[in-house]
Amino acid sequence: MYTKKFNIQQIVPFHEVRDEEKLGALTQSMNENGWQGRHIVGFDLGDEFRAITGSHRLQAADDAGIEELEVACVEYGTMFEDYDITTDDLKDPSQIYRMLDEYDKDAAELFSEDVD
């Protein structure tokens, strides 16, 4: 796993916002304190970052006017070829964890602590 800065507009969320109350609290916190949480975990695809955690934090950061985030990039090697999938196929958190645990144990640990 490595970290890299991305413009927030280049980060694709894992899912839509599901909890408006959570979003509101996160946005307020980020307006007051900036980014204070763990890194969002995902895949560096060159021109975009495909997140697998942090959908609410990502939207809150955008709403708070944060323009750039340092994210945790999974070292995925040949995972997509080995499993014959794309990032669009990643939907089930338990499947994602098993795959991460095989290819990048540090990312798997961070993912397991922070699925939202």
C-alpha atoms as a PDB file:
ATOM      1  CA  MET A   1       0.000   0.000   0.000  1.00  0.00           C
ATOM      2  CA  TYR A   2       1.209   3.507  -0.739  1.00  0.00           C
ATOM      3  CA  THR A   3      -0.323   6.971  -0.372  1.00  0.00           C
ATOM      4  CA  LYS A   4      -0.884   9.504  -3.101  1.00  0.00           C
ATOM      5  CA  LYS A   5      -2.655  12.852  -3.414  1.00  0.00           C
ATOM      6  CA  PHE A   6      -5.622  13.140  -5.753  1.00  0.00           C
ATOM      7  CA  ASN A   7      -7.834  16.054  -6.684  1.00  0.00           C
ATOM      8  CA  ILE A   8     -11.159  15.271  -5.050  1.00  0.00           C
ATOM      9  CA  GLN A   9     -12.895  15.374  -8.443  1.00  0.00           C
ATOM     10  CA  GLN A  10     -10.741  12.410  -9.565  1.00  0.00           C
ATOM     11  CA  ILE A  11     -11.976  10.174  -6.729  1.00  0.00           C
ATOM     12  CA  VAL A  12     -14.904   7.895  -7.588  1.00  0.00           C
ATOM     13  CA  PRO A  13     -16.903   6.907  -4.468  1.00  0.00           C
ATOM     14  CA  PHE A  14     -17.660   3.269  -3.678  1.00  0.00           C
ATOM     15  CA  HIS A  15     -21.368   3.965  -3.221  1.00  0.00           C
ATOM     16  CA  GLU A  16     -23.778   6.863  -2.926  1.00  0.00           C
ATOM     17  CA  VAL A  17     -24.384   8.656   0.368  1.00  0.00           C
ATOM     18  CA  ARG A  18     -26.767   6.504   2.410  1.00  0.00           C
ATOM     19  CA  ASP A  19     -26.955   8.437   5.679  1.00  0.00           C
ATOM     20  CA  GLU A  20     -27.654  12.165   5.405  1.00  0.00           C
ATOM     21  CA  GLU A  21     -27.255  12.669   9.166  1.00  0.00           C
ATOM     22  CA  LYS A  22     -23.786  11.115   9.092  1.00  0.00           C
ATOM     23  CA  LEU A  23     -22.910  13.266   6.067  1.00  0.00           C
ATOM     24  CA  GLY A  24     -24.046  16.421   7.858  1.00  0.00           C
ATOM     25  CA  ALA A  25     -21.969  15.669  10.958  1.00  0.00           C
ATOM     26  CA  LEU A  26     -18.887  14.845   8.875  1.00  0.00           C
ATOM     27  CA  THR A  27     -19.275  17.993   6.761  1.00  0.00           C
ATOM     28  CA  GLN A  28     -19.605  20.160   9.867  1.00  0.00           C
ATOM     29  CA  SER A  29     -16.516  18.549  11.385  1.00  0.00           C
ATOM     30  CA  MET A  30     -14.513  19.059   8.189  1.00  0.00           C
ATOM     31  CA  ASN A  31     -15.639  22.682   7.930  1.00  0.00           C
ATOM     32  CA  GLU A  32     -14.344  23.245  11.462  1.00  0.00           C
ATOM     33  CA  ASN A  33     -11.251  20.990  11.523  1.00  0.00           C
ATOM     34  CA  GLY A  34     -10.389  19.912   7.988  1.00  0.00           C
ATOM     35  CA  TRP A  35      -9.716  16.248   7.225  1.00  0.00           C
ATOM     36  CA  GLN A  36      -9.109  14.331  10.473  1.00  0.00           C
ATOM     37  CA  GLY A  37      -9.931  10.728   9.540  1.00  0.00           C
ATOM     38  CA  ARG A  38      -8.087   7.760   8.148  1.00  0.00           C
ATOM     39  CA  HIS A  39      -7.137   7.581   4.506  1.00  0.00           C
ATOM     40  CA  ILE A  40      -9.745   6.502   2.010  1.00  0.00           C
ATOM     41  CA  VAL A  41      -8.679   3.128   0.551  1.00  0.00           C
ATOM     42  CA  GLY A  42      -8.924   2.287  -3.131  1.00  0.00           C
ATOM     43  CA  PHE A  43      -7.261   1.731  -6.459  1.00  0.00           C
ATOM     44  CA  ASP A  44      -5.021   4.175  -8.330  1.00  0.00           C
ATOM     45  CA  LEU A  45      -6.146   3.812 -11.945  1.00  0.00           C
ATOM     46  CA  GLY A  46      -3.930   6.580 -13.285  1.00  0.00           C
ATOM     47  CA  ASP A  47      -6.443   9.262 -14.225  1.00  0.00           C
ATOM     48  CA  GLU A  48      -8.818   8.457 -11.342  1.00  0.00           C
ATOM     49  CA  PHE A  49      -8.909   6.842  -7.916  1.00  0.00           C
ATOM     50  CA  ARG A  50     -11.624   4.227  -7.358  1.00  0.00           C
ATOM     51  CA  ALA A  51     -12.475   4.291  -3.625  1.00  0.00           C
ATOM     52  CA  ILE A  52     -13.596   1.213  -1.706  1.00  0.00           C
ATOM     53  CA  THR A  53     -14.097   3.021   1.626  1.00  0.00           C
ATOM     54  CA  GLY A  54     -15.078   6.492   2.755  1.00  0.00           C
ATOM     55  CA  SER A  55     -18.056   7.413   0.567  1.00  0.00           C
ATOM     56  CA  HIS A  56     -19.536   9.672   3.243  1.00  0.00           C
ATOM     57  CA  ARG A  57     -16.164  11.228   4.126  1.00  0.00           C
ATOM     58  CA  LEU A  58     -15.457  11.858   0.462  1.00  0.00           C
ATOM     59  CA  GLN A  59     -18.766  13.696  -0.056  1.00  0.00           C
ATOM     60  CA  ALA A  60     -18.290  15.626   3.199  1.00  0.00           C
ATOM     61  CA  ALA A  61     -14.802  16.703   2.116  1.00  0.00           C
ATOM     62  CA  ASP A  62     -16.191  17.894  -1.215  1.00  0.00           C
ATOM     63  CA  ASP A  63     -19.047  19.736   0.534  1.00  0.00           C
ATOM     64  CA  ALA A  64     -16.509  21.350   2.897  1.00  0.00           C
ATOM     65  CA  GLY A  65     -14.460  22.624  -0.041  1.00  0.00           C
ATOM     66  CA  ILE A  66     -11.471  20.334   0.424  1.00  0.00           C
ATOM     67  CA  GLU A  67      -9.874  20.096  -3.012  1.00  0.00           C
ATOM     68  CA  GLU A  68      -7.231  17.400  -2.552  1.00  0.00           C
ATOM     69  CA  LEU A  69      -6.984  14.229  -0.457  1.00  0.00           C
ATOM     70  CA  GLU A  70      -4.136  11.892   0.308  1.00  0.00           C
ATOM     71  CA  VAL A  71      -5.502   8.386  -0.207  1.00  0.00           C
ATOM     72  CA  ALA A  72      -4.270   4.849   0.490  1.00  0.00           C
ATOM     73  CA  CYS A  73      -3.654   3.013  -2.786  1.00  0.00           C
ATOM     74  CA  VAL A  74      -3.914  -0.770  -2.880  1.00  0.00           C
ATOM     75  CA  GLU A  75      -0.996  -2.691  -4.367  1.00  0.00           C
ATOM     76  CA  TYR A  76      -3.242  -4.919  -6.464  1.00  0.00           C
ATOM     77  CA  GLY A  77      -0.725  -6.425  -8.883  1.00  0.00           C
ATOM     78  CA  THR A  78      -2.537  -8.926 -11.104  1.00  0.00           C
ATOM     79  CA  MET A  79      -5.648  -9.187  -8.905  1.00  0.00           C
ATOM     80  CA  PHE A  80      -8.058  -7.998 -11.593  1.00  0.00           C
ATOM     81  CA  GLU A  81      -6.636 -10.361 -14.189  1.00  0.00           C
ATOM     82  CA  ASP A  82      -6.462 -13.283 -11.741  1.00  0.00           C
ATOM     83  CA  TYR A  83     -10.108 -12.879 -10.744  1.00  0.00           C
ATOM     84  CA  ASP A  84     -11.250 -11.727 -14.210  1.00  0.00           C
ATOM     85  CA  ILE A  85     -12.975  -8.644 -12.796  1.00  0.00           C
ATOM     86  CA  THR A  86     -12.879  -4.855 -13.009  1.00  0.00           C
ATOM     87  CA  THR A  87     -13.281  -2.276 -10.263  1.00  0.00           C
ATOM     88  CA  ASP A  88     -16.950  -2.031 -11.299  1.00  0.00           C
ATOM     89  CA  ASP A  89     -17.408  -5.647 -10.145  1.00  0.00           C
ATOM     90  CA  LEU A  90     -16.338  -4.843  -6.567  1.00  0.00           C
ATOM     91  CA  LYS A  91     -19.588  -4.707  -4.584  1.00  0.00           C
ATOM     92  CA  ASP A  92     -19.361  -7.203  -1.704  1.00  0.00           C
ATOM     93  CA  PRO A  93     -17.164  -6.074   1.219  1.00  0.00           C
ATOM     94  CA  SER A  94     -16.333  -9.649   2.258  1.00  0.00           C
ATOM     95  CA  GLN A  95     -15.162 -10.460  -1.297  1.00  0.00           C
ATOM     96  CA  ILE A  96     -13.101  -7.272  -1.409  1.00  0.00           C
ATOM     97  CA  TYR A  97     -11.498  -8.086   1.941  1.00  0.00           C
ATOM     98  CA  ARG A  98     -10.524 -11.615   0.835  1.00  0.00           C
ATOM     99  CA  MET A  99      -8.939 -10.291  -2.341  1.00  0.00           C
ATOM    100  CA  LEU A 100      -7.104  -7.489  -0.540  1.00  0.00           C
ATOM    101  CA  ASP A 101      -5.852  -9.922   2.077  1.00  0.00           C
ATOM    102  CA  GLU A 102      -4.245 -11.945  -0.694  1.00  0.00           C
ATOM    103  CA  TYR A 103      -2.630  -9.008  -2.550  1.00  0.00           C
ATOM    104  CA  ASP A 104      -2.057  -6.246   0.020  1.00  0.00           C
ATOM    105  CA  LYS A 105      -2.409  -7.164   3.701  1.00  0.00           C
ATOM    106  CA  ASP A 106      -1.883  -3.568   4.891  1.00  0.00           C
ATOM    107  CA  ALA A 107      -4.756  -2.382   2.692  1.00  0.00           C
ATOM    108  CA  ALA A 108      -6.904  -5.307   3.892  1.00  0.00           C
ATOM    109  CA  GLU A 109      -6.341  -4.275   7.501  1.00  0.00           C
ATOM    110  CA  LEU A 110      -7.203  -0.633   6.827  1.00  0.00           C
ATOM    111  CA  PHE A 111     -10.240  -1.709   4.781  1.00  0.00           C
ATOM    112  CA  SER A 112     -11.525  -3.964   7.581  1.00  0.00           C
ATOM    113  CA  GLU A 113     -11.294  -1.071  10.072  1.00  0.00           C
ATOM    114  CA  ASP A 114     -13.080   1.382   7.874  1.00  0.00           C
ATOM    115  CA  VAL A 115     -15.805  -0.018   5.625  1.00  0.00           C
ATOM    116  CA  ASP A 116     -18.585   2.548   5.401  1.00  0.00           C
END
